[in-house]
Amino acid sequence: MVEGMMPGDGAGARRRPVADPFWDQVVEQLDTALIVLDPAGRILSANPAAERLVGHSAAALRGQDAHDLLHRDADGAEIPQDQCLLLRAMAERATARGEGDTYLRADGRLVPVTWSASPLTDEGSLTGMAVLLTDATSERGARRERAAYTSALEDLTERLTLVAEITDVLGQTLETDEALARLGHLLVPRLADWAAVDLRTGSRQVLRIAVTGPEGRDAGQEDWRGPLPPAGETTRSPLVQVLNGGDGVLEETAEPAAPPDSALAALHSGFLRAVGATSAITVPLGTKEQLTGALTLVRTAPEHPFGTSDLEVVSDIGRRVGLVIDNARRFGRQRAVSEAMQRNLLPPLPQPGRLQLAARYRPAPAGSQIGGDWYDAFELKDGALALVIGDVLGHDLTAAAGMAQLHGVLRSLAWDHTGPPGAVVDRLDDAMPNITTVSLATLVLGRVEGLPDGPWTLRWTSAGHPPPLLLTPDGNARYLEAGQGLLLGTGLGGGESRPSALQALPPGATLLLYTDGLIESPGSDLDTGLGRLRRHALALAHEPLDTLCDEVSARVPPGSTDDIALLALRLPTP
C-alpha cells in the first residue's frame, strides 16, 4: 500500500492508503497468515494463508470481531477480552508476540497458533494492527524433529566416543584378563546394564571369563563365571550360533521362543533371567576367520531396549575386542617361549671355594616384553672367577637369541685370557657384528683374583653398563665408577683399548652386579634409582646372600616395565 490524496480531497485532507499492485501481490503470495484489524479489533482483510489457517474466506472474515470469532482457550471456551494479550497490545499501541494461543477454525477444530502483532499508525493515530499468525502444530513438529535429530546425533557421538575409548584402553595392555576387566567397566553402565564375555578355549570348550553388572549388584556373578558346557552344532541359542561362527543376534525379549535345546543354551537363558534381561545382544569376538569368543550385553529396562543401531555398534566393538584378545594370546605364547628360553640359557652358578654366589632373574611384569638381561659366572683357566652382567638391545626371542650368542662368545674369549678384562671386551666388540645378531649391548666383565683364603681383588671393565655396587663390612656402600667405556656395537672406539679398573675386596664385602631394570622407573631419574638401590642394599648387607638378593630384586620401583638380572658375590670373613 502507498499513501496518496484521495480524489476530491482538499489540500488539508487526511492522507489515506492507496492500493499498490506490487504490495498486494506480496501479501497474496505470503506463506505466513496475515490479518489486518481496525482499532476496534474487527478484521479489515486477510490473505490466502490466513484463510487456510482459520478455514474462513476473506469475505466471511471481513468485519468480524477477531477475538470473538477466533480466540479460544485450550478446551474451546471463549476467553474474556480483558485476558487477550493481542487486544491489550492494540490498546497500548505496542508490538507484541504470543505463543500457546488457540484459535477456532470454521470447521470447529482448534488450532494452536503463535502470533506477532505490530500497530499501524497514520500521522500518530492508530489505524489498526497487522497480525502474522503461524500454525504452532507444524512448529512443534519441527521442534520435535530437531530435538530427535539432536538426540540421535548426541547418541551417535557418544557411541563413537565409546568405541574410540575401548580401542584406546584395550590397546594399552596385552594381558587378556586385564583387557576384559577394562572392557566390562567401559560398557556398563554406558551401553548396557550387564556384560558377559565367553572365550573359546578349545574346539568346543567355552570359558565365561568375565561378568560385569551394576555397582552393588552381583546376581551371583561368580556363579556365572568359569567353564561352560560345550557349544553344540544345531541349536537356536544366539550364544551357540555366535560361538559357531554366526553373526551377531539381537534378542528383543529375554523369553526364548522355544525351550533351550542344549546345555549351554539353558545356562545362558538362566543367566539372562537371573539378571532380569528385557533385551540382549550377542556378538562374536573377532572375525569368522579368527573367532575368539562371544560378547553378550543385556538391558533390563523395558522402556530402553536395544535396537538395530546398537547391534551395529556392539558388533564393531566385538570385532575390535576379538583382535585385542588374539594379539594378547599370541603375545602370551611368544612371551612364554622367550622367558623359558632365557631362563634355560642362564647358567647354574659355580661353587668357587669359600666365595659365595647368588643370582636372580625376574622377567618384566605381565603385559611387558621380555628383555635381554643376563648374568654369568664361571671359573677361568688360571683359577680366577669371571663375573658378567649384561643387557642386549631388543625384546623377546630376538633378545634371548642374541643373549645366547653373546654369552657363548664371551666365555670362549675369556676362558684362557689372563690380561685385563678390557682387552677381552675389545675382542668381543670386534666379533659381535660378524658372528652374532646383536646390534647393541651393555655389560660388565669382572675378574675376581686371589688365593683361596684371600686377599682378593676385582679387575673389571664396563661397556656402558651401570656401575657395580660394593658393600663393605664397615657399613659403607659405593659404586665402582671407574673402568667405564662405550657400550658394545657403537663402532666408535677409534682403535683405543677399553679401560680396566682394579679394586681390593675386603673380607666380608658384598659385590652387586645388576641391570638397569633395578634402578630405572618411569618419572624418576637415574641418580634417584642409584640412591634407592644403595640404601636398600646397605640395609640388607648383613643378611644372608640369598635373602639380600630376594629383597633387593623385590623392591622394584612401581611402574617398572623392564626385566631384572642380579648377580651377587660375598667374600668370606677371616
Protein backbone atom coordinates (compact mmCIF):
# COMPACT_ATOMS: atom_id res chain seq x y z
CA MET A 1 0.00 0.00 0.00
CA VAL A 2 1.17 3.51 -0.70
CA GLU A 3 -0.22 6.77 0.56
CA GLY A 4 -1.74 9.49 -1.62
CA MET A 5 -4.54 12.05 -1.87
CA MET A 6 -7.97 10.65 -2.42
CA PRO A 7 -9.91 12.26 -5.31
CA GLY A 8 -11.88 15.38 -4.17
CA ASP A 9 -9.81 15.85 -1.06
CA GLY A 10 -8.70 19.35 -0.27
CA ALA A 11 -5.21 20.47 0.48
CA GLY A 12 -5.67 19.75 4.21
CA ALA A 13 -7.39 16.43 3.67
CA ARG A 14 -6.11 13.35 5.51
CA ARG A 15 -3.77 11.00 3.53
CA ARG A 16 -5.16 7.52 3.09
CA PRO A 17 -3.65 4.35 1.78
CA VAL A 18 -3.83 3.77 -1.93
CA ALA A 19 -3.60 0.24 -3.36
CA ASP A 20 -0.32 -0.75 -4.96
CA PRO A 21 -0.46 -3.87 -7.16
CA PHE A 22 3.08 -4.96 -6.18
CA TRP A 23 2.43 -4.98 -2.44
CA ASP A 24 -0.99 -6.58 -2.98
CA GLN A 25 0.81 -9.40 -4.79
CA VAL A 26 3.34 -9.74 -1.99
CA VAL A 27 0.60 -10.07 0.64
CA GLU A 28 -1.37 -12.51 -1.50
CA GLN A 29 1.63 -14.80 -2.02
CA LEU A 30 2.93 -14.56 1.53
CA ASP A 31 3.15 -18.06 3.00
CA THR A 32 2.51 -16.72 6.51
CA ALA A 33 -1.05 -15.90 7.56
CA LEU A 34 -1.72 -12.12 7.78
CA ILE A 35 -4.81 -10.40 9.07
CA VAL A 36 -5.31 -6.65 9.48
CA LEU A 37 -7.54 -5.38 12.29
CA ASP A 38 -9.11 -1.98 12.73
CA PRO A 39 -8.75 -0.12 16.05
CA ALA A 40 -11.87 -1.87 17.36
CA GLY A 41 -10.43 -5.32 16.67
CA ARG A 42 -12.54 -6.03 13.62
CA ILE A 43 -10.96 -7.78 10.65
CA LEU A 44 -10.30 -5.47 7.69
CA SER A 45 -8.51 -8.00 5.45
CA ALA A 46 -6.92 -11.45 5.41
CA ASN A 47 -4.55 -13.06 2.94
CA PRO A 48 -4.99 -16.58 1.47
CA ALA A 49 -2.63 -18.11 4.07
CA ALA A 50 -4.94 -16.74 6.82
CA GLU A 51 -7.93 -18.21 5.03
CA ARG A 52 -6.27 -21.63 5.06
CA LEU A 53 -5.29 -21.34 8.72
CA VAL A 54 -8.72 -20.44 10.14
CA GLY A 55 -10.90 -22.05 7.47
CA HIS A 56 -12.87 -18.85 6.66
CA SER A 57 -12.83 -16.94 3.42
CA ALA A 58 -11.55 -13.38 3.46
CA ALA A 59 -15.04 -12.13 2.65
CA ALA A 60 -16.51 -14.03 5.60
CA LEU A 61 -13.82 -12.68 7.92
CA ARG A 62 -14.12 -9.04 6.90
CA GLY A 63 -15.94 -7.01 9.58
CA GLN A 64 -15.90 -9.81 12.15
CA ASP A 65 -14.56 -9.25 15.67
CA ALA A 66 -11.34 -11.27 15.54
CA HIS A 67 -11.27 -12.02 19.25
CA ASP A 68 -14.88 -13.18 19.47
CA LEU A 69 -14.66 -15.19 16.26
CA LEU A 70 -11.31 -16.89 16.71
CA HIS A 71 -9.76 -16.72 20.20
CA ARG A 72 -10.50 -19.69 22.48
CA ASP A 73 -8.89 -21.48 25.41
CA ALA A 74 -7.40 -24.98 25.10
CA ASP A 75 -10.84 -26.52 25.72
CA GLY A 76 -12.59 -24.39 23.11
CA ALA A 77 -14.29 -21.98 25.55
CA GLU A 78 -14.44 -18.24 24.86
CA ILE A 79 -11.89 -16.03 26.56
CA PRO A 80 -12.79 -12.68 28.18
CA GLN A 81 -11.45 -9.73 26.21
CA ASP A 82 -9.52 -8.39 29.20
CA GLN A 83 -7.43 -11.57 29.11
CA CYS A 84 -6.48 -11.18 25.46
CA LEU A 85 -2.88 -10.12 25.03
CA LEU A 86 -3.48 -9.04 21.43
CA LEU A 87 -6.27 -6.59 22.40
CA ARG A 88 -4.09 -5.28 25.23
CA ALA A 89 -1.24 -4.65 22.76
CA MET A 90 -3.63 -2.78 20.47
CA ALA A 91 -4.85 -0.63 23.35
CA GLU A 92 -1.24 0.14 24.28
CA ARG A 93 -0.23 0.65 20.63
CA ALA A 94 2.62 -1.78 21.30
CA THR A 95 4.33 -4.50 19.35
CA ALA A 96 3.62 -7.91 20.90
CA ARG A 97 4.13 -11.63 20.40
CA GLY A 98 2.14 -14.56 21.73
CA GLU A 99 2.67 -18.30 21.95
CA GLY A 100 0.32 -21.03 23.05
CA ASP A 101 -2.92 -19.33 21.98
CA THR A 102 -5.70 -21.42 20.45
CA TYR A 103 -7.91 -20.33 17.52
CA LEU A 104 -11.23 -21.84 16.45
CA ARG A 105 -11.43 -22.81 12.81
CA ALA A 106 -14.60 -22.65 10.74
CA ASP A 107 -14.85 -26.45 10.83
CA GLY A 108 -14.83 -26.46 14.64
CA ARG A 109 -11.29 -27.68 15.07
CA LEU A 110 -8.94 -25.93 17.44
CA VAL A 111 -5.51 -24.96 16.14
CA PRO A 112 -2.59 -23.78 18.31
CA VAL A 113 -1.02 -20.60 17.00
CA THR A 114 1.83 -18.23 17.62
CA TRP A 115 1.40 -14.62 16.55
CA SER A 116 3.28 -11.40 16.15
CA ALA A 117 1.44 -8.05 16.02
CA SER A 118 2.58 -4.56 15.04
CA PRO A 119 0.43 -1.39 15.35
CA LEU A 120 -0.45 0.59 12.18
CA THR A 121 -0.46 4.34 12.55
CA ASP A 122 -1.16 7.32 10.34
CA GLU A 123 0.28 10.65 11.49
CA GLY A 124 0.31 9.39 15.08
CA SER A 125 -3.19 7.97 15.03
CA LEU A 126 -3.80 4.22 15.40
CA THR A 127 -5.39 2.87 12.24
CA GLY A 128 -5.21 -0.81 13.13
CA MET A 129 -2.99 -3.82 13.79
CA ALA A 130 -1.13 -6.14 11.42
CA VAL A 131 -1.06 -9.67 12.85
CA LEU A 132 1.12 -12.51 11.49
CA LEU A 133 -0.11 -15.99 12.50
CA THR A 134 1.71 -19.34 12.41
CA ASP A 135 0.29 -22.81 12.96
CA ALA A 136 2.15 -23.94 16.10
CA THR A 137 1.37 -27.56 15.28
CA SER A 138 3.93 -27.57 12.45
CA GLU A 139 6.37 -25.59 14.59
CA ARG A 140 6.08 -28.13 17.39
CA GLY A 141 6.61 -30.93 14.91
CA ALA A 142 9.70 -29.21 13.56
CA ARG A 143 10.99 -28.70 17.10
CA ARG A 144 10.37 -32.37 17.84
CA GLU A 145 12.22 -33.32 14.67
CA ARG A 146 15.12 -31.06 15.60
CA ALA A 147 15.17 -32.48 19.12
CA ALA A 148 15.07 -36.04 17.79
CA TYR A 149 17.85 -35.28 15.32
CA THR A 150 19.96 -33.66 18.04
CA SER A 151 19.34 -36.60 20.36
CA ALA A 152 20.29 -39.07 17.62
CA LEU A 153 23.43 -37.06 16.84
CA GLU A 154 24.40 -36.97 20.53
CA ASP A 155 23.74 -40.70 20.81
CA LEU A 156 25.90 -41.40 17.76
CA THR A 157 28.67 -39.18 19.13
CA GLU A 158 28.53 -40.99 22.47
CA ARG A 159 28.75 -44.38 20.76
CA LEU A 160 31.65 -43.34 18.56
CA THR A 161 33.39 -41.93 21.64
CA LEU A 162 32.82 -45.21 23.48
CA VAL A 163 34.26 -47.25 20.60
CA ALA A 164 37.28 -44.94 20.47
CA GLU A 165 37.80 -45.22 24.23
CA ILE A 166 37.57 -49.01 24.10
CA THR A 167 40.09 -49.14 21.27
CA ASP A 168 42.46 -46.84 23.16
CA VAL A 169 42.13 -48.51 26.57
CA LEU A 170 42.41 -52.07 25.29
CA GLY A 171 45.42 -51.10 23.23
CA GLN A 172 47.28 -50.26 26.44
CA THR A 173 47.52 -53.86 27.62
CA LEU A 174 48.47 -57.23 26.20
CA GLU A 175 47.01 -59.21 29.11
CA THR A 176 43.66 -60.86 28.30
CA ASP A 177 42.21 -60.77 31.82
CA GLU A 178 43.11 -57.12 32.30
CA ALA A 179 41.72 -56.18 28.88
CA LEU A 180 38.38 -57.87 29.55
CA ALA A 181 38.07 -56.36 33.03
CA ARG A 182 38.56 -52.92 31.49
CA LEU A 183 36.04 -53.73 28.76
CA GLY A 184 33.26 -54.58 31.24
CA HIS A 185 33.66 -51.31 33.10
CA LEU A 186 33.59 -49.34 29.85
CA LEU A 187 30.38 -50.99 28.63
CA VAL A 188 28.46 -50.97 31.94
CA PRO A 189 26.52 -48.78 32.51
CA ARG A 190 27.20 -46.59 29.45
CA LEU A 191 25.84 -49.03 26.89
CA ALA A 192 24.34 -51.90 28.88
CA ASP A 193 23.27 -52.98 32.36
CA TRP A 194 25.16 -56.29 32.21
CA ALA A 195 28.01 -57.69 30.13
CA ALA A 196 29.33 -61.23 29.81
CA VAL A 197 32.41 -62.40 27.92
CA ASP A 198 32.85 -66.01 26.81
CA LEU A 199 36.10 -67.27 25.31
CA ARG A 200 36.69 -70.35 23.20
CA THR A 201 39.49 -72.37 24.80
CA GLY A 202 39.31 -75.40 22.52
CA SER A 203 37.39 -76.77 19.57
CA ARG A 204 34.16 -76.89 21.62
CA GLN A 205 35.27 -75.65 25.04
CA VAL A 206 33.94 -72.34 26.33
CA LEU A 207 35.03 -70.32 29.37
CA ARG A 208 32.95 -67.44 30.75
CA ILE A 209 35.81 -65.25 31.82
CA ALA A 210 34.03 -62.03 32.86
CA VAL A 211 30.61 -60.90 34.08
CA THR A 212 30.06 -57.22 34.84
CA GLY A 213 26.86 -55.73 36.28
CA PRO A 214 25.61 -52.62 38.06
CA GLU A 215 27.67 -51.47 41.01
CA GLY A 216 26.38 -53.06 44.19
CA ARG A 217 24.70 -55.97 42.42
CA ASP A 218 26.34 -59.29 41.79
CA ALA A 219 23.42 -61.56 40.84
CA GLY A 220 25.73 -64.48 41.55
CA GLN A 221 28.42 -63.18 39.21
CA GLU A 222 30.95 -65.70 40.49
CA ASP A 223 28.46 -68.50 39.83
CA TRP A 224 28.21 -67.49 36.17
CA ARG A 225 31.97 -67.41 35.61
CA GLY A 226 34.04 -70.44 34.74
CA PRO A 227 33.82 -73.33 32.26
CA LEU A 228 30.55 -73.58 30.31
CA PRO A 229 29.01 -76.63 28.64
CA PRO A 230 30.40 -77.37 25.17
CA ALA A 231 28.88 -75.44 22.29
CA GLY A 232 26.75 -77.79 20.18
CA GLU A 233 26.22 -77.55 16.45
CA THR A 234 22.46 -77.45 15.87
CA THR A 235 20.80 -75.04 18.23
CA ARG A 236 18.61 -71.96 18.20
CA SER A 237 20.56 -70.28 21.01
CA PRO A 238 22.07 -66.96 19.88
CA LEU A 239 25.17 -67.61 22.03
CA VAL A 240 25.80 -71.02 20.47
CA GLN A 241 25.17 -69.65 16.97
CA VAL A 242 27.72 -66.88 17.51
CA LEU A 243 30.30 -69.25 19.01
CA ASN A 244 29.91 -71.42 15.92
CA GLY A 245 30.73 -68.51 13.60
CA GLY A 246 27.31 -66.89 13.19
CA ASP A 247 26.57 -63.18 13.00
CA GLY A 248 25.53 -61.06 15.97
CA VAL A 249 21.99 -61.52 17.26
CA LEU A 250 19.55 -59.01 18.76
CA GLU A 251 17.05 -60.56 21.20
CA GLU A 252 14.20 -58.11 21.71
CA THR A 253 12.77 -60.19 24.53
CA ALA A 254 14.51 -62.21 27.21
CA GLU A 255 11.95 -65.02 26.91
CA PRO A 256 13.10 -67.61 24.35
CA ALA A 257 10.63 -68.58 21.64
CA ALA A 258 11.21 -72.26 22.46
CA PRO A 259 12.80 -74.21 25.33
CA PRO A 260 16.62 -74.29 25.29
CA ASP A 261 17.89 -77.12 23.11
CA SER A 262 21.37 -77.55 24.62
CA ALA A 263 23.08 -77.36 27.99
CA LEU A 264 24.90 -74.16 27.00
CA ALA A 265 21.67 -72.60 25.74
CA ALA A 266 19.93 -73.48 29.02
CA LEU A 267 22.73 -71.97 31.11
CA HIS A 268 22.75 -68.78 29.06
CA SER A 269 18.96 -68.43 29.28
CA GLY A 270 19.25 -68.87 33.03
CA PHE A 271 21.80 -66.07 33.18
CA LEU A 272 19.50 -63.72 31.26
CA ARG A 273 16.60 -64.49 33.59
CA ALA A 274 18.76 -64.04 36.69
CA VAL A 275 19.84 -60.52 35.70
CA GLY A 276 16.32 -59.52 34.62
CA ALA A 277 17.09 -59.06 30.93
CA THR A 278 14.44 -57.45 28.74
CA SER A 279 16.65 -57.32 25.64
CA ALA A 280 20.08 -58.67 24.80
CA ILE A 281 22.73 -58.57 22.10
CA THR A 282 25.25 -61.36 21.47
CA VAL A 283 28.08 -60.75 19.01
CA PRO A 284 31.27 -62.60 18.03
CA LEU A 285 34.63 -61.52 19.38
CA GLY A 286 36.88 -61.19 16.36
CA THR A 287 36.04 -62.30 12.85
CA LYS A 288 34.70 -65.52 11.37
CA GLU A 289 38.23 -66.37 10.30
CA GLN A 290 39.67 -65.63 13.77
CA LEU A 291 36.85 -66.14 16.28
CA THR A 292 37.94 -65.92 19.92
CA GLY A 293 34.58 -65.94 21.72
CA ALA A 294 31.35 -64.02 22.26
CA LEU A 295 30.22 -60.81 23.96
CA THR A 296 26.72 -60.59 25.43
CA LEU A 297 25.23 -57.26 26.53
CA VAL A 298 21.98 -57.02 28.48
CA ARG A 299 19.49 -54.24 29.20
CA THR A 300 16.92 -54.60 31.94
CA ALA A 301 14.69 -51.54 31.37
CA PRO A 302 11.66 -52.38 29.16
CA GLU A 303 11.40 -48.76 28.02
CA HIS A 304 15.01 -48.73 26.77
CA PRO A 305 15.58 -51.87 24.68
CA PHE A 306 18.42 -52.47 22.26
CA GLY A 307 17.85 -51.61 18.61
CA THR A 308 19.47 -52.45 15.29
CA SER A 309 21.82 -49.47 15.59
CA ASP A 310 23.01 -50.87 18.92
CA LEU A 311 23.68 -54.22 17.23
CA GLU A 312 25.92 -52.49 14.68
CA VAL A 313 27.90 -50.67 17.38
CA VAL A 314 28.31 -53.75 19.59
CA SER A 315 29.35 -55.85 16.58
CA ASP A 316 32.10 -53.34 15.84
CA ILE A 317 33.20 -53.43 19.49
CA GLY A 318 33.24 -57.24 19.41
CA ARG A 319 35.42 -57.27 16.33
CA ARG A 320 37.92 -54.89 17.93
CA VAL A 321 37.97 -56.76 21.25
CA GLY A 322 38.49 -60.05 19.46
CA LEU A 323 41.58 -58.69 17.74
CA VAL A 324 42.94 -57.47 21.10
CA ILE A 325 42.37 -60.91 22.66
CA ASP A 326 44.00 -62.67 19.72
CA ASN A 327 47.02 -60.35 19.92
CA ALA A 328 47.23 -60.89 23.68
CA ARG A 329 47.19 -64.66 23.24
CA ARG A 330 49.89 -64.51 20.58
CA PHE A 331 51.96 -62.23 22.79
CA GLY A 332 51.48 -64.55 25.76
CA ARG A 333 52.67 -67.57 23.81
CA GLN A 334 55.70 -65.71 22.47
CA ARG A 335 56.46 -64.31 25.91
CA ALA A 336 56.30 -67.78 27.49
CA VAL A 337 58.70 -69.19 24.89
CA SER A 338 61.07 -66.24 25.30
CA GLU A 339 61.03 -66.41 29.09
CA ALA A 340 61.62 -70.17 29.12
CA MET A 341 64.44 -69.81 26.62
CA GLN A 342 66.03 -67.01 28.61
CA ARG A 343 65.83 -68.88 31.92
CA ASN A 344 67.31 -72.01 30.36
CA LEU A 345 70.20 -70.01 28.94
CA LEU A 346 71.10 -68.56 32.35
CA PRO A 347 73.73 -70.99 33.66
CA PRO A 348 73.97 -72.59 37.10
CA LEU A 349 76.41 -70.78 39.35
CA PRO A 350 79.77 -72.36 40.22
CA GLN A 351 80.94 -73.02 43.79
CA PRO A 352 84.32 -71.24 43.88
CA GLY A 353 85.81 -72.32 47.19
CA ARG A 354 84.79 -70.08 50.08
CA LEU A 355 83.33 -67.39 47.83
CA GLN A 356 79.53 -67.22 47.83
CA LEU A 357 77.49 -66.52 44.69
CA ALA A 358 73.80 -65.83 44.26
CA ALA A 359 71.77 -64.59 41.31
CA ARG A 360 68.22 -63.65 40.47
CA TYR A 361 66.40 -63.13 37.22
CA ARG A 362 62.96 -61.55 37.20
CA PRO A 363 61.09 -61.16 33.92
CA ALA A 364 59.32 -57.94 33.08
CA PRO A 365 55.81 -57.50 34.55
CA ALA A 366 52.90 -59.13 32.77
CA GLY A 367 51.98 -57.17 29.69
CA SER A 368 55.58 -56.08 29.02
CA GLN A 369 58.04 -57.67 26.67
CA ILE A 370 60.90 -59.88 27.81
CA GLY A 371 64.20 -58.02 27.55
CA GLY A 372 67.76 -59.24 27.01
CA ASP A 373 69.10 -59.11 30.58
CA TRP A 374 71.54 -61.87 31.57
CA TYR A 375 74.26 -62.84 34.01
CA ASP A 376 77.06 -65.37 34.09
CA ALA A 377 79.76 -66.59 36.47
CA PHE A 378 82.43 -69.16 35.59
CA GLU A 379 85.93 -70.17 36.64
CA LEU A 380 88.73 -69.29 34.25
CA LYS A 381 91.68 -71.44 33.20
CA ASP A 382 94.04 -69.64 35.61
CA GLY A 383 91.71 -70.14 38.57
CA ALA A 384 90.21 -66.61 38.60
CA LEU A 385 86.44 -66.18 38.78
CA ALA A 386 84.71 -64.35 35.94
CA LEU A 387 81.58 -62.32 36.72
CA VAL A 388 79.36 -60.99 33.93
CA ILE A 389 76.17 -58.92 33.88
CA GLY A 390 74.74 -57.68 30.58
CA ASP A 391 71.79 -56.31 28.67
CA VAL A 392 71.14 -56.97 24.97
CA LEU A 393 69.13 -54.46 22.98
CA GLY A 394 65.82 -55.94 21.81
CA HIS A 395 62.94 -57.95 23.12
CA ASP A 396 61.59 -61.48 23.28
CA LEU A 397 63.07 -64.18 21.05
CA THR A 398 65.40 -61.77 19.31
CA ALA A 399 66.91 -60.60 22.60
CA ALA A 400 67.06 -64.13 24.03
CA ALA A 401 68.83 -65.44 20.93
CA GLY A 402 71.27 -62.54 20.94
CA MET A 403 71.93 -63.07 24.64
CA ALA A 404 72.78 -66.74 23.99
CA GLN A 405 75.20 -65.79 21.22
CA LEU A 406 76.94 -63.13 23.28
CA HIS A 407 77.14 -65.47 26.28
CA GLY A 408 78.90 -68.18 24.27
CA VAL A 409 81.33 -65.86 22.50
CA LEU A 410 82.33 -64.10 25.72
CA ARG A 411 83.01 -67.37 27.54
CA SER A 412 85.24 -68.53 24.68
CA LEU A 413 87.19 -65.28 24.59
CA ALA A 414 87.62 -65.00 28.36
CA TRP A 415 88.41 -68.65 29.19
CA ASP A 416 92.20 -68.57 28.79
CA HIS A 417 92.78 -64.83 28.83
CA THR A 418 94.89 -63.60 31.76
CA GLY A 419 95.15 -59.95 30.80
CA PRO A 420 92.85 -57.05 31.73
CA PRO A 421 89.11 -57.56 31.16
CA GLY A 422 89.02 -54.55 28.83
CA ALA A 423 91.04 -56.48 26.24
CA VAL A 424 88.51 -59.34 26.29
CA VAL A 425 85.61 -56.95 25.75
CA ASP A 426 87.51 -55.23 22.92
CA ARG A 427 87.74 -58.58 21.13
CA LEU A 428 84.05 -59.23 21.85
CA ASP A 429 83.11 -55.84 20.38
CA ASP A 430 85.11 -56.62 17.23
CA ALA A 431 83.50 -60.04 16.82
CA MET A 432 79.94 -59.12 17.71
CA PRO A 433 78.74 -57.69 14.36
CA ASN A 434 80.24 -60.60 12.44
CA ILE A 435 79.24 -63.68 14.42
CA THR A 436 76.15 -62.56 16.38
CA THR A 437 72.82 -60.89 15.61
CA VAL A 438 73.28 -58.37 18.44
CA SER A 439 73.37 -54.73 17.35
CA LEU A 440 73.92 -53.04 20.73
CA ALA A 441 74.61 -54.32 24.23
CA THR A 442 75.97 -53.26 27.60
CA LEU A 443 77.88 -55.40 30.09
CA VAL A 444 80.31 -55.53 32.98
CA LEU A 445 83.06 -58.17 32.90
CA GLY A 446 84.96 -58.71 36.11
CA ARG A 447 87.80 -60.98 37.27
CA VAL A 448 87.97 -61.90 40.96
CA GLU A 449 91.54 -62.88 41.71
CA GLY A 450 93.20 -64.15 44.90
CA LEU A 451 94.29 -67.12 46.94
CA PRO A 452 91.64 -69.42 48.45
CA ASP A 453 91.87 -67.56 51.77
CA GLY A 454 92.47 -64.14 50.28
CA PRO A 455 93.24 -61.39 49.83
CA TRP A 456 91.03 -60.81 46.79
CA THR A 457 90.93 -58.13 44.14
CA LEU A 458 88.47 -57.24 41.44
CA ARG A 459 89.56 -56.20 37.97
CA TRP A 460 86.71 -55.11 35.76
CA THR A 461 85.61 -53.13 32.72
CA SER A 462 82.19 -51.68 31.90
CA ALA A 463 80.77 -51.33 28.40
CA GLY A 464 78.18 -48.62 29.06
CA HIS A 465 76.60 -50.57 31.94
CA PRO A 466 75.50 -49.33 35.39
CA PRO A 467 78.44 -49.49 37.85
CA PRO A 468 78.92 -52.38 40.31
CA LEU A 469 77.96 -51.68 43.94
CA LEU A 470 80.41 -52.65 46.69
CA LEU A 471 79.13 -53.12 50.27
CA THR A 472 81.85 -53.31 52.93
CA PRO A 473 81.55 -54.67 56.49
CA ASP A 474 82.21 -51.22 57.98
CA GLY A 475 78.77 -50.07 56.77
CA ASN A 476 79.82 -48.26 53.63
CA ALA A 477 78.40 -48.69 50.14
CA ARG A 478 79.85 -47.16 46.99
CA TYR A 479 79.57 -47.53 43.26
CA LEU A 480 82.68 -48.59 41.35
CA GLU A 481 82.51 -45.99 38.59
CA ALA A 482 85.99 -46.49 37.15
CA GLY A 483 86.61 -48.68 34.09
CA GLN A 484 83.76 -47.12 32.09
CA GLY A 485 83.83 -47.46 28.31
CA LEU A 486 81.44 -47.29 25.35
CA LEU A 487 78.67 -49.82 25.01
CA LEU A 488 79.13 -52.66 22.55
CA GLY A 489 78.22 -52.18 18.90
CA THR A 490 78.70 -48.42 18.50
CA GLY A 491 81.83 -48.71 16.34
CA LEU A 492 83.14 -45.51 17.94
CA GLY A 493 86.14 -46.94 19.79
CA GLY A 494 88.62 -45.49 17.30
CA GLY A 495 91.16 -48.23 18.00
CA GLU A 496 91.66 -47.25 21.63
CA SER A 497 91.74 -50.03 24.24
CA ARG A 498 88.93 -50.21 26.72
CA PRO A 499 89.78 -49.15 30.25
CA SER A 500 90.02 -51.63 33.10
CA ALA A 501 89.99 -50.86 36.83
CA LEU A 502 91.29 -52.52 39.99
CA GLN A 503 89.66 -52.68 43.42
CA ALA A 504 90.64 -54.57 46.59
CA LEU A 505 87.79 -56.61 48.06
CA PRO A 506 87.90 -56.69 51.86
CA PRO A 507 86.81 -59.83 53.76
CA GLY A 508 83.07 -59.96 54.30
CA ALA A 509 82.38 -57.50 51.46
CA THR A 510 79.45 -57.97 49.06
CA LEU A 511 79.60 -57.06 45.38
CA LEU A 512 76.39 -56.49 43.38
CA LEU A 513 76.18 -56.53 39.59
CA TYR A 514 72.73 -55.66 38.21
CA THR A 515 70.85 -54.48 35.14
CA ASP A 516 69.07 -51.15 34.68
CA GLY A 517 65.61 -52.57 35.46
CA LEU A 518 66.60 -52.40 39.12
CA ILE A 519 67.30 -48.66 39.08
CA GLU A 520 65.11 -47.20 36.32
CA SER A 521 61.44 -46.34 36.65
CA PRO A 522 59.03 -44.02 34.80
CA GLY A 523 59.15 -40.46 36.09
CA SER A 524 62.40 -40.94 38.04
CA ASP A 525 65.96 -40.05 37.08
CA LEU A 526 68.95 -42.39 37.22
CA ASP A 527 70.54 -40.78 40.27
CA THR A 528 67.35 -41.36 42.25
CA GLY A 529 67.35 -45.02 41.24
CA LEU A 530 71.00 -45.49 42.14
CA GLY A 531 70.44 -43.86 45.53
CA ARG A 532 67.45 -46.08 46.23
CA LEU A 533 69.38 -49.26 45.38
CA ARG A 534 72.32 -48.16 47.55
CA ARG A 535 70.05 -47.59 50.58
CA HIS A 536 68.19 -50.88 50.17
CA ALA A 537 71.35 -52.92 49.67
CA LEU A 538 73.15 -51.30 52.60
CA ALA A 539 70.22 -52.06 54.90
CA LEU A 540 70.45 -55.72 53.86
CA ALA A 541 74.23 -56.04 53.85
CA HIS A 542 74.33 -58.29 56.93
CA GLU A 543 71.57 -60.60 55.72
CA PRO A 544 72.34 -63.97 54.08
CA LEU A 545 73.23 -63.50 50.42
CA ASP A 546 70.09 -65.23 49.14
CA THR A 547 67.92 -63.06 51.38
CA LEU A 548 69.67 -59.93 50.17
CA CYS A 549 69.08 -60.92 46.53
CA ASP A 550 65.42 -61.75 47.17
CA GLU A 551 64.74 -58.46 48.95
CA VAL A 552 66.65 -56.23 46.55
CA SER A 553 65.06 -57.76 43.44
CA ALA A 554 61.62 -57.50 45.05
CA ARG A 555 61.94 -53.77 45.74
CA VAL A 556 61.39 -52.76 42.16
CA PRO A 557 60.01 -49.23 41.67
CA PRO A 558 56.29 -49.09 40.82
CA GLY A 559 55.58 -48.84 37.11
CA SER A 560 58.75 -50.63 36.03
CA THR A 561 58.34 -52.46 32.71
CA ASP A 562 61.82 -53.92 32.39
CA ASP A 563 63.24 -57.28 33.37
CA ILE A 564 65.95 -57.59 36.02
CA ALA A 565 69.16 -59.58 36.39
CA LEU A 566 71.16 -59.51 39.61
CA LEU A 567 74.48 -61.24 40.40
CA ALA A 568 75.94 -61.08 43.92
CA LEU A 569 79.33 -62.12 45.30
CA ARG A 570 80.18 -62.29 49.01
CA LEU A 571 83.73 -62.62 50.32
CA PRO A 572 84.33 -64.84 53.36
CA THR A 573 85.25 -63.34 56.71
CA PRO A 574 88.57 -64.33 58.35
